[in-house]
Structure formats: C-alpha cells, structure tokens
Amino acid sequence: MTTRAVVLIGPMGVGKSSIGRKLAKALSRTFTDTDTVIVRENGPIPKIFEEHGEAHFREIERDVVARSVEGGGVVALGGGAVLNTQTQAVLRDHLVVLLDVSEVVIAGRIGHGEGRPLLASDDDPIETWKRIRAERWPVYESLADKTFDTSRGHIAHIVSAIAEWVQEEER
C-alpha cells in the first residue's frame, strides 16, 4: 500500500507552499511543491504559458502531481491543478487539505500578480483572483477532506492545527 500524501490545494496565494514546508517538517515527511518541480524540469511557468499555452502547462502539471503524490509526504499543488479530472481521481486516494484566505488578506499576498500568469492581464489582479477562486471553489470543496482558513493567526498555529488533524485522520 502506498503511503497517502497530505495534499494542499486552494486558490493562489493562500500559503500552500509556506504552510506545506512547515507541515512536512512538523510531520517529519518530505515536501514537494509541484510548481517548483515544474520549473525545475521545464523552466519558468510564465514562459510555459507564453510559449505553449495553458493547456500544455496543465498536461505537465497533471504528470508532476501524479508523480509527486506517489511517495506520500506533503505535496502543495498549484491553484489550478485540481481542474484536471485525472488529477481529481488521483487525489481521492490521499488526504486533501483545502486552504482558503479572505479577499482582504489576499490583496497583500498577491500584489500586482507578478509571476502568476493568470493574474498578469490588464485587469485588476484582485478581481481576477476573486473570479478564478469563485470558478474553482466547487472543485476545491468536492476534493477537500478538511478546510483551513489562513487569513488570521500565526502560520505556526495553522500548521499545528493541520498536523493535529492529519495525525487524527491517520490513527
């Protein structure tokens, strides 16, 4: 039996990478950020979008997610990774944690959307973020085993709460 991964999903800027690193340490597990793997293997994400389009990026992402969850550990997914039906099917075998954040807090986290291809338009990045979050929310909720809000509280408290939940689930 393959060890179940703890998979962090949610909109851009909720803290999946930061929380994932600390959660992995708290649980004494490996940490994988799928966006980091994609960049290491394929170059900068904005460049992939620009040169090959979002569909090509999503194919790469699907394969990286499938490989990343195989070995267990803590895995942080890019915000749109859950849109792929094959990825959704893979995630059903793992513990899926949905991280959320308030619209007020996100403004300070994503700034003007630099480095985030889906926010790099002429539009207001906060409005674009809200629209993307709303579109994806039903998928996030359908996959999540538990949701945690990252809007308030020290990151250490959020990590502790998630770690306690994971340990309880694995008993």
N, C-alpha and C. Protein backbone atom coordinates (compact mmCIF):
# COMPACT_ATOMS: atom_id res chain seq x y z
N MET A 1 0.85 -1.19 0.00
CA MET A 1 0.00 0.00 0.00
C MET A 1 0.89 1.24 0.00
N THR A 2 0.64 2.12 -0.92
CA THR A 2 1.37 3.38 -0.99
C THR A 2 0.91 4.28 0.15
N THR A 3 1.86 4.97 0.73
CA THR A 3 1.53 5.91 1.80
C THR A 3 0.69 7.04 1.21
N ARG A 4 -0.34 7.41 1.95
CA ARG A 4 -1.16 8.52 1.47
C ARG A 4 -0.40 9.83 1.67
N ALA A 5 -0.45 10.68 0.68
CA ALA A 5 0.14 12.01 0.79
C ALA A 5 -0.86 12.94 1.46
N VAL A 6 -0.35 13.99 2.05
CA VAL A 6 -1.17 15.09 2.53
C VAL A 6 -1.04 16.16 1.45
N VAL A 7 -2.14 16.43 0.75
CA VAL A 7 -2.10 17.31 -0.41
C VAL A 7 -2.79 18.63 -0.07
N LEU A 8 -2.07 19.73 -0.30
CA LEU A 8 -2.61 21.06 -0.05
C LEU A 8 -3.11 21.66 -1.35
N ILE A 9 -4.39 22.03 -1.36
CA ILE A 9 -4.99 22.66 -2.53
C ILE A 9 -5.59 23.99 -2.11
N GLY A 10 -5.94 24.80 -3.09
CA GLY A 10 -6.59 26.07 -2.81
C GLY A 10 -6.18 27.14 -3.79
N PRO A 11 -6.81 28.29 -3.69
CA PRO A 11 -6.52 29.39 -4.62
C PRO A 11 -5.09 29.89 -4.50
N MET A 12 -4.66 30.64 -5.51
CA MET A 12 -3.35 31.28 -5.49
C MET A 12 -3.22 32.15 -4.24
N GLY A 13 -2.04 32.09 -3.62
CA GLY A 13 -1.74 33.00 -2.53
C GLY A 13 -2.23 32.61 -1.15
N VAL A 14 -2.81 31.41 -1.00
CA VAL A 14 -3.32 31.03 0.32
C VAL A 14 -2.22 30.54 1.26
N GLY A 15 -1.04 30.26 0.71
CA GLY A 15 0.06 29.81 1.56
C GLY A 15 0.37 28.33 1.45
N LYS A 16 -0.02 27.70 0.35
CA LYS A 16 0.20 26.26 0.21
C LYS A 16 1.68 25.89 0.33
N SER A 17 2.55 26.65 -0.31
CA SER A 17 3.98 26.34 -0.26
C SER A 17 4.57 26.59 1.11
N SER A 18 4.30 27.75 1.68
CA SER A 18 4.86 28.10 3.00
C SER A 18 4.36 27.15 4.08
N ILE A 19 3.06 26.91 4.08
CA ILE A 19 2.48 26.01 5.07
C ILE A 19 2.94 24.58 4.81
N GLY A 20 3.01 24.19 3.55
CA GLY A 20 3.44 22.83 3.21
C GLY A 20 4.83 22.51 3.72
N ARG A 21 5.78 23.44 3.54
CA ARG A 21 7.15 23.22 4.03
C ARG A 21 7.16 22.99 5.54
N LYS A 22 6.44 23.84 6.26
CA LYS A 22 6.41 23.75 7.72
C LYS A 22 5.63 22.52 8.19
N LEU A 23 4.56 22.18 7.47
CA LEU A 23 3.78 21.00 7.81
C LEU A 23 4.61 19.73 7.63
N ALA A 24 5.36 19.66 6.55
CA ALA A 24 6.20 18.49 6.30
C ALA A 24 7.21 18.33 7.43
N LYS A 25 7.77 19.44 7.86
CA LYS A 25 8.74 19.38 8.97
C LYS A 25 8.05 18.91 10.25
N ALA A 26 6.87 19.45 10.53
CA ALA A 26 6.12 19.07 11.74
C ALA A 26 5.75 17.59 11.74
N LEU A 27 5.48 17.04 10.56
CA LEU A 27 5.08 15.64 10.44
C LEU A 27 6.26 14.71 10.13
N SER A 28 7.46 15.30 10.01
CA SER A 28 8.68 14.54 9.65
C SER A 28 8.48 13.79 8.33
N ARG A 29 8.04 14.54 7.32
CA ARG A 29 7.82 13.96 5.99
C ARG A 29 8.51 14.82 4.94
N THR A 30 8.58 14.28 3.75
CA THR A 30 9.14 15.05 2.64
C THR A 30 8.14 16.11 2.20
N PHE A 31 8.64 17.13 1.54
CA PHE A 31 7.76 18.17 0.99
C PHE A 31 8.04 18.32 -0.49
N THR A 32 6.97 18.40 -1.27
CA THR A 32 7.07 18.64 -2.70
C THR A 32 6.12 19.76 -3.08
N ASP A 33 6.64 20.77 -3.75
CA ASP A 33 5.83 21.83 -4.32
C ASP A 33 5.79 21.56 -5.81
N THR A 34 4.62 21.22 -6.34
CA THR A 34 4.55 20.81 -7.75
C THR A 34 4.98 21.93 -8.70
N ASP A 35 4.71 23.19 -8.33
CA ASP A 35 5.17 24.29 -9.19
C ASP A 35 6.69 24.34 -9.25
N THR A 36 7.35 24.07 -8.13
CA THR A 36 8.82 24.06 -8.10
C THR A 36 9.36 22.94 -8.99
N VAL A 37 8.72 21.78 -8.94
CA VAL A 37 9.14 20.66 -9.79
C VAL A 37 8.96 21.03 -11.26
N ILE A 38 7.84 21.64 -11.58
CA ILE A 38 7.58 22.04 -12.97
C ILE A 38 8.65 23.01 -13.46
N VAL A 39 8.99 24.00 -12.64
CA VAL A 39 10.01 24.99 -13.01
C VAL A 39 11.36 24.31 -13.20
N ARG A 40 11.71 23.42 -12.27
CA ARG A 40 13.00 22.72 -12.35
C ARG A 40 13.10 21.89 -13.63
N GLU A 41 12.01 21.26 -14.02
CA GLU A 41 12.04 20.36 -15.18
C GLU A 41 11.73 21.04 -16.51
N ASN A 42 11.02 22.19 -16.47
CA ASN A 42 10.52 22.78 -17.73
C ASN A 42 10.79 24.27 -17.89
N GLY A 43 11.35 24.92 -16.88
CA GLY A 43 11.58 26.35 -16.95
C GLY A 43 10.44 27.13 -16.32
N PRO A 44 10.55 28.47 -16.32
CA PRO A 44 9.57 29.32 -15.65
C PRO A 44 8.13 29.12 -16.15
N ILE A 45 7.21 29.06 -15.21
CA ILE A 45 5.80 28.84 -15.55
C ILE A 45 5.26 29.93 -16.49
N PRO A 46 5.54 31.22 -16.24
CA PRO A 46 5.04 32.23 -17.19
C PRO A 46 5.52 31.98 -18.63
N LYS A 47 6.75 31.48 -18.76
CA LYS A 47 7.30 31.20 -20.09
C LYS A 47 6.57 30.02 -20.74
N ILE A 48 6.24 28.99 -19.94
CA ILE A 48 5.50 27.85 -20.47
C ILE A 48 4.14 28.32 -21.00
N PHE A 49 3.45 29.16 -20.20
CA PHE A 49 2.16 29.71 -20.63
C PHE A 49 2.32 30.49 -21.93
N GLU A 50 3.32 31.34 -21.97
CA GLU A 50 3.54 32.22 -23.13
C GLU A 50 3.87 31.45 -24.40
N GLU A 51 4.77 30.46 -24.27
CA GLU A 51 5.24 29.74 -25.45
C GLU A 51 4.36 28.57 -25.87
N HIS A 52 3.68 27.93 -24.91
CA HIS A 52 2.94 26.71 -25.24
C HIS A 52 1.47 26.75 -24.85
N GLY A 53 1.06 27.74 -24.04
CA GLY A 53 -0.33 27.87 -23.64
C GLY A 53 -0.66 27.14 -22.35
N GLU A 54 -1.83 27.47 -21.81
CA GLU A 54 -2.25 26.89 -20.54
C GLU A 54 -2.50 25.39 -20.65
N ALA A 55 -3.07 24.94 -21.77
CA ALA A 55 -3.39 23.51 -21.91
C ALA A 55 -2.12 22.65 -21.80
N HIS A 56 -1.05 23.09 -22.44
CA HIS A 56 0.22 22.36 -22.36
C HIS A 56 0.75 22.36 -20.92
N PHE A 57 0.66 23.52 -20.27
CA PHE A 57 1.10 23.61 -18.87
C PHE A 57 0.31 22.63 -18.01
N ARG A 58 -1.00 22.56 -18.21
CA ARG A 58 -1.84 21.66 -17.40
C ARG A 58 -1.48 20.19 -17.60
N GLU A 59 -1.05 19.81 -18.81
CA GLU A 59 -0.60 18.44 -19.06
C GLU A 59 0.65 18.13 -18.25
N ILE A 60 1.60 19.05 -18.28
CA ILE A 60 2.83 18.90 -17.49
C ILE A 60 2.46 18.79 -16.01
N GLU A 61 1.60 19.69 -15.57
CA GLU A 61 1.19 19.74 -14.16
C GLU A 61 0.55 18.43 -13.73
N ARG A 62 -0.34 17.89 -14.56
CA ARG A 62 -1.02 16.62 -14.24
C ARG A 62 0.00 15.51 -13.97
N ASP A 63 1.00 15.41 -14.83
CA ASP A 63 2.01 14.37 -14.68
C ASP A 63 2.86 14.59 -13.43
N VAL A 64 3.22 15.84 -13.15
CA VAL A 64 4.03 16.15 -11.97
C VAL A 64 3.23 15.85 -10.69
N VAL A 65 1.95 16.19 -10.68
CA VAL A 65 1.12 15.91 -9.50
C VAL A 65 1.05 14.40 -9.26
N ALA A 66 0.80 13.63 -10.30
CA ALA A 66 0.69 12.18 -10.15
C ALA A 66 1.98 11.58 -9.59
N ARG A 67 3.12 12.03 -10.10
CA ARG A 67 4.41 11.53 -9.58
C ARG A 67 4.64 11.97 -8.14
N SER A 68 4.26 13.21 -7.84
CA SER A 68 4.56 13.79 -6.52
C SER A 68 3.80 13.13 -5.39
N VAL A 69 2.56 12.73 -5.62
CA VAL A 69 1.77 12.14 -4.53
C VAL A 69 2.09 10.66 -4.31
N GLU A 70 2.73 10.02 -5.28
CA GLU A 70 3.02 8.59 -5.18
C GLU A 70 3.79 8.20 -3.93
N GLY A 71 4.75 9.02 -3.54
CA GLY A 71 5.60 8.65 -2.42
C GLY A 71 5.13 9.15 -1.07
N GLY A 72 3.92 9.67 -1.01
CA GLY A 72 3.43 10.20 0.26
C GLY A 72 4.01 11.57 0.52
N GLY A 73 4.25 11.89 1.78
CA GLY A 73 4.77 13.21 2.13
C GLY A 73 3.69 14.27 2.08
N VAL A 74 4.15 15.52 2.05
CA VAL A 74 3.26 16.67 1.95
C VAL A 74 3.48 17.27 0.57
N VAL A 75 2.40 17.49 -0.17
CA VAL A 75 2.50 17.98 -1.54
C VAL A 75 1.61 19.22 -1.70
N ALA A 76 2.22 20.32 -2.15
CA ALA A 76 1.47 21.55 -2.43
C ALA A 76 1.22 21.64 -3.93
N LEU A 77 -0.04 21.82 -4.30
CA LEU A 77 -0.42 21.90 -5.71
C LEU A 77 -0.64 23.35 -6.12
N GLY A 78 -0.38 23.62 -7.39
CA GLY A 78 -0.74 24.92 -7.95
C GLY A 78 -2.25 25.06 -7.91
N GLY A 79 -2.73 26.30 -7.87
CA GLY A 79 -4.16 26.57 -7.71
C GLY A 79 -5.07 25.88 -8.71
N GLY A 80 -4.62 25.74 -9.96
CA GLY A 80 -5.47 25.17 -11.00
C GLY A 80 -5.27 23.68 -11.25
N ALA A 81 -4.35 23.06 -10.52
CA ALA A 81 -4.05 21.65 -10.76
C ALA A 81 -5.28 20.75 -10.61
N VAL A 82 -6.19 21.14 -9.71
CA VAL A 82 -7.36 20.32 -9.43
C VAL A 82 -8.40 20.32 -10.55
N LEU A 83 -8.21 21.16 -11.55
CA LEU A 83 -9.18 21.23 -12.64
C LEU A 83 -9.12 20.01 -13.55
N ASN A 84 -8.00 19.31 -13.54
CA ASN A 84 -7.83 18.14 -14.38
C ASN A 84 -8.54 16.94 -13.77
N THR A 85 -9.39 16.28 -14.54
CA THR A 85 -10.18 15.17 -14.00
C THR A 85 -9.30 13.99 -13.58
N GLN A 86 -8.18 13.77 -14.29
CA GLN A 86 -7.27 12.69 -13.89
C GLN A 86 -6.63 13.01 -12.54
N THR A 87 -6.27 14.27 -12.34
CA THR A 87 -5.71 14.69 -11.06
C THR A 87 -6.75 14.53 -9.96
N GLN A 88 -7.99 14.89 -10.24
CA GLN A 88 -9.06 14.73 -9.24
C GLN A 88 -9.15 13.27 -8.81
N ALA A 89 -9.08 12.36 -9.76
CA ALA A 89 -9.18 10.93 -9.45
C ALA A 89 -7.99 10.48 -8.59
N VAL A 90 -6.79 10.96 -8.91
CA VAL A 90 -5.60 10.61 -8.14
C VAL A 90 -5.72 11.11 -6.70
N LEU A 91 -6.26 12.31 -6.51
CA LEU A 91 -6.33 12.91 -5.18
C LEU A 91 -7.29 12.17 -4.25
N ARG A 92 -8.22 11.44 -4.78
CA ARG A 92 -9.20 10.75 -3.94
C ARG A 92 -8.55 9.69 -3.02
N ASP A 93 -7.34 9.27 -3.36
CA ASP A 93 -6.63 8.28 -2.54
C ASP A 93 -5.76 8.92 -1.46
N HIS A 94 -5.81 10.24 -1.33
CA HIS A 94 -4.92 10.95 -0.41
C HIS A 94 -5.71 11.86 0.53
N LEU A 95 -5.04 12.38 1.56
CA LEU A 95 -5.66 13.35 2.46
C LEU A 95 -5.55 14.73 1.81
N VAL A 96 -6.67 15.34 1.52
CA VAL A 96 -6.66 16.62 0.81
C VAL A 96 -7.11 17.74 1.75
N VAL A 97 -6.21 18.71 1.90
CA VAL A 97 -6.44 19.87 2.76
C VAL A 97 -6.65 21.09 1.87
N LEU A 98 -7.80 21.71 2.04
CA LEU A 98 -8.11 22.95 1.30
C LEU A 98 -7.74 24.14 2.17
N LEU A 99 -6.87 25.00 1.64
CA LEU A 99 -6.51 26.23 2.33
C LEU A 99 -7.27 27.37 1.67
N ASP A 100 -7.82 28.24 2.50
CA ASP A 100 -8.56 29.39 1.99
C ASP A 100 -8.04 30.65 2.66
N VAL A 101 -8.40 31.79 2.11
CA VAL A 101 -7.98 33.09 2.65
C VAL A 101 -9.04 34.11 2.26
N SER A 102 -9.17 35.14 3.08
CA SER A 102 -10.16 36.17 2.78
C SER A 102 -9.68 37.07 1.64
N GLU A 103 -10.63 37.70 0.98
CA GLU A 103 -10.30 38.61 -0.11
C GLU A 103 -9.49 39.80 0.37
N VAL A 104 -9.72 40.24 1.60
CA VAL A 104 -8.98 41.37 2.16
C VAL A 104 -7.51 41.02 2.32
N VAL A 105 -7.24 39.84 2.85
CA VAL A 105 -5.87 39.41 3.10
C VAL A 105 -5.12 39.11 1.80
N ILE A 106 -5.81 38.57 0.81
CA ILE A 106 -5.13 38.16 -0.43
C ILE A 106 -4.49 39.34 -1.14
N ALA A 107 -5.06 40.52 -1.02
CA ALA A 107 -4.52 41.70 -1.70
C ALA A 107 -3.06 41.93 -1.32
N GLY A 108 -2.73 41.73 -0.05
CA GLY A 108 -1.36 41.91 0.40
C GLY A 108 -0.44 40.78 -0.02
N ARG A 109 -1.00 39.65 -0.33
CA ARG A 109 -0.18 38.49 -0.69
C ARG A 109 0.16 38.41 -2.17
N ILE A 110 -0.78 38.81 -3.03
CA ILE A 110 -0.51 38.64 -4.46
C ILE A 110 -0.08 39.92 -5.16
N GLY A 111 -0.19 41.05 -4.48
CA GLY A 111 0.28 42.30 -5.07
C GLY A 111 -0.34 42.57 -6.42
N HIS A 112 0.51 42.75 -7.41
CA HIS A 112 0.04 43.05 -8.77
C HIS A 112 0.03 41.81 -9.66
N GLY A 113 0.19 40.63 -9.06
CA GLY A 113 0.09 39.39 -9.81
C GLY A 113 1.35 38.96 -10.51
N GLU A 114 2.49 39.59 -10.20
CA GLU A 114 3.74 39.23 -10.86
C GLU A 114 4.04 37.75 -10.67
N GLY A 115 4.50 37.10 -11.74
CA GLY A 115 4.85 35.69 -11.66
C GLY A 115 3.66 34.75 -11.63
N ARG A 116 2.47 35.31 -11.75
CA ARG A 116 1.25 34.50 -11.76
C ARG A 116 0.54 34.76 -13.09
N PRO A 117 0.78 33.88 -14.07
CA PRO A 117 0.28 34.13 -15.43
C PRO A 117 -1.21 34.44 -15.52
N LEU A 118 -2.02 33.80 -14.70
CA LEU A 118 -3.47 34.03 -14.80
C LEU A 118 -3.87 35.40 -14.24
N LEU A 119 -2.96 36.05 -13.51
CA LEU A 119 -3.26 37.38 -12.97
C LEU A 119 -2.54 38.47 -13.76
N ALA A 120 -1.76 38.10 -14.74
CA ALA A 120 -0.92 39.05 -15.46
C ALA A 120 -1.63 39.65 -16.67
N SER A 121 -2.82 40.15 -16.46
CA SER A 121 -3.54 40.81 -17.55
C SER A 121 -3.70 42.28 -17.21
N ASP A 122 -4.44 43.01 -18.02
CA ASP A 122 -4.67 44.42 -17.75
C ASP A 122 -5.71 44.61 -16.65
N ASP A 123 -6.39 43.55 -16.29
CA ASP A 123 -7.43 43.63 -15.28
C ASP A 123 -6.84 43.84 -13.89
N ASP A 124 -7.70 44.14 -12.96
CA ASP A 124 -7.33 44.25 -11.56
C ASP A 124 -7.04 42.83 -11.06
N PRO A 125 -5.79 42.56 -10.60
CA PRO A 125 -5.46 41.19 -10.20
C PRO A 125 -6.32 40.67 -9.06
N ILE A 126 -6.77 41.53 -8.17
CA ILE A 126 -7.62 41.07 -7.06
C ILE A 126 -8.97 40.61 -7.60
N GLU A 127 -9.54 41.39 -8.51
CA GLU A 127 -10.82 40.99 -9.11
C GLU A 127 -10.67 39.69 -9.90
N THR A 128 -9.56 39.56 -10.61
CA THR A 128 -9.30 38.34 -11.36
C THR A 128 -9.16 37.15 -10.40
N TRP A 129 -8.42 37.36 -9.29
CA TRP A 129 -8.26 36.31 -8.28
C TRP A 129 -9.63 35.88 -7.74
N LYS A 130 -10.48 36.86 -7.43
CA LYS A 130 -11.81 36.54 -6.88
C LYS A 130 -12.63 35.71 -7.88
N ARG A 131 -12.55 36.10 -9.16
CA ARG A 131 -13.30 35.38 -10.18
C ARG A 131 -12.78 33.94 -10.32
N ILE A 132 -11.46 33.77 -10.38
CA ILE A 132 -10.87 32.44 -10.51
C ILE A 132 -11.21 31.58 -9.29
N ARG A 133 -11.12 32.17 -8.10
CA ARG A 133 -11.45 31.44 -6.87
C ARG A 133 -12.90 30.96 -6.91
N ALA A 134 -13.80 31.85 -7.30
CA ALA A 134 -15.22 31.50 -7.36
C ALA A 134 -15.48 30.38 -8.36
N GLU A 135 -14.81 30.43 -9.52
CA GLU A 135 -14.98 29.40 -10.53
C GLU A 135 -14.48 28.04 -10.06
N ARG A 136 -13.38 28.04 -9.33
CA ARG A 136 -12.75 26.78 -8.90
C ARG A 136 -13.29 26.25 -7.58
N TRP A 137 -13.96 27.10 -6.80
CA TRP A 137 -14.35 26.71 -5.45
C TRP A 137 -15.14 25.40 -5.37
N PRO A 138 -16.12 25.17 -6.24
CA PRO A 138 -16.85 23.90 -6.15
C PRO A 138 -15.94 22.67 -6.30
N VAL A 139 -14.92 22.77 -7.14
CA VAL A 139 -13.98 21.66 -7.31
C VAL A 139 -13.15 21.49 -6.05
N TYR A 140 -12.62 22.60 -5.54
CA TYR A 140 -11.85 22.53 -4.29
C TYR A 140 -12.66 21.84 -3.19
N GLU A 141 -13.88 22.30 -3.00
CA GLU A 141 -14.73 21.75 -1.93
C GLU A 141 -15.03 20.27 -2.15
N SER A 142 -15.23 19.87 -3.39
CA SER A 142 -15.56 18.48 -3.66
C SER A 142 -14.40 17.54 -3.36
N LEU A 143 -13.17 18.04 -3.44
CA LEU A 143 -11.99 17.22 -3.22
C LEU A 143 -11.50 17.24 -1.77
N ALA A 144 -11.84 18.28 -1.05
CA ALA A 144 -11.27 18.51 0.28
C ALA A 144 -11.82 17.58 1.35
N ASP A 145 -10.91 17.07 2.15
CA ASP A 145 -11.30 16.32 3.34
C ASP A 145 -11.48 17.26 4.52
N LYS A 146 -10.77 18.39 4.49
CA LYS A 146 -10.83 19.37 5.58
C LYS A 146 -10.37 20.72 5.03
N THR A 147 -10.98 21.80 5.53
CA THR A 147 -10.62 23.15 5.10
C THR A 147 -10.07 23.95 6.27
N PHE A 148 -9.01 24.71 6.00
CA PHE A 148 -8.40 25.58 6.99
C PHE A 148 -8.28 26.98 6.40
N ASP A 149 -8.62 27.99 7.19
CA ASP A 149 -8.52 29.39 6.76
C ASP A 149 -7.15 29.93 7.17
N THR A 150 -6.43 30.51 6.23
CA THR A 150 -5.10 31.04 6.52
C THR A 150 -5.11 32.57 6.67
N SER A 151 -6.30 33.15 6.77
CA SER A 151 -6.41 34.61 6.84
C SER A 151 -5.85 35.19 8.13
N ARG A 152 -6.11 34.51 9.23
CA ARG A 152 -5.72 35.04 10.54
C ARG A 152 -4.91 34.01 11.29
N GLY A 153 -4.15 34.51 12.23
CA GLY A 153 -3.37 33.61 13.08
C GLY A 153 -1.98 33.40 12.53
N HIS A 154 -1.09 33.10 13.42
CA HIS A 154 0.30 32.86 13.03
C HIS A 154 0.38 31.56 12.25
N ILE A 155 1.27 31.52 11.29
CA ILE A 155 1.43 30.33 10.45
C ILE A 155 1.70 29.08 11.29
N ALA A 156 2.42 29.23 12.40
CA ALA A 156 2.71 28.08 13.26
C ALA A 156 1.43 27.47 13.83
N HIS A 157 0.45 28.31 14.15
CA HIS A 157 -0.82 27.80 14.69
C HIS A 157 -1.62 27.07 13.61
N ILE A 158 -1.58 27.61 12.40
CA ILE A 158 -2.28 26.97 11.28
C ILE A 158 -1.64 25.61 11.00
N VAL A 159 -0.31 25.58 10.95
CA VAL A 159 0.41 24.33 10.71
C VAL A 159 0.10 23.31 11.79
N SER A 160 0.10 23.74 13.05
CA SER A 160 -0.22 22.83 14.17
C SER A 160 -1.61 22.24 14.04
N ALA A 161 -2.56 23.08 13.68
CA ALA A 161 -3.94 22.61 13.54
C ALA A 161 -4.05 21.56 12.42
N ILE A 162 -3.38 21.81 11.32
CA ILE A 162 -3.41 20.85 10.21
C ILE A 162 -2.71 19.55 10.62
N ALA A 163 -1.54 19.67 11.27
CA ALA A 163 -0.79 18.48 11.69
C ALA A 163 -1.61 17.64 12.66
N GLU A 164 -2.29 18.28 13.59
CA GLU A 164 -3.14 17.54 14.53
C GLU A 164 -4.25 16.80 13.80
N TRP A 165 -4.86 17.48 12.83
CA TRP A 165 -5.93 16.85 12.05
C TRP A 165 -5.40 15.64 11.29
N VAL A 166 -4.23 15.81 10.62
CA VAL A 166 -3.64 14.70 9.85
C VAL A 166 -3.36 13.51 10.76
N GLN A 167 -2.77 13.77 11.92
CA GLN A 167 -2.45 12.68 12.84
C GLN A 167 -3.71 11.96 13.32
N GLU A 168 -4.75 12.72 13.56
CA GLU A 168 -6.04 12.14 13.97
C GLU A 168 -6.61 11.26 12.84
N GLU A 169 -6.55 11.77 11.63
CA GLU A 169 -7.07 11.02 10.47
C GLU A 169 -6.30 9.72 10.24
N GLU A 170 -5.03 9.72 10.57
CA GLU A 170 -4.20 8.55 10.30
C GLU A 170 -4.22 7.53 11.43
N ARG A 171 -4.89 7.84 12.51
CA ARG A 171 -4.98 6.87 13.62
C ARG A 171 -5.95 5.77 13.28
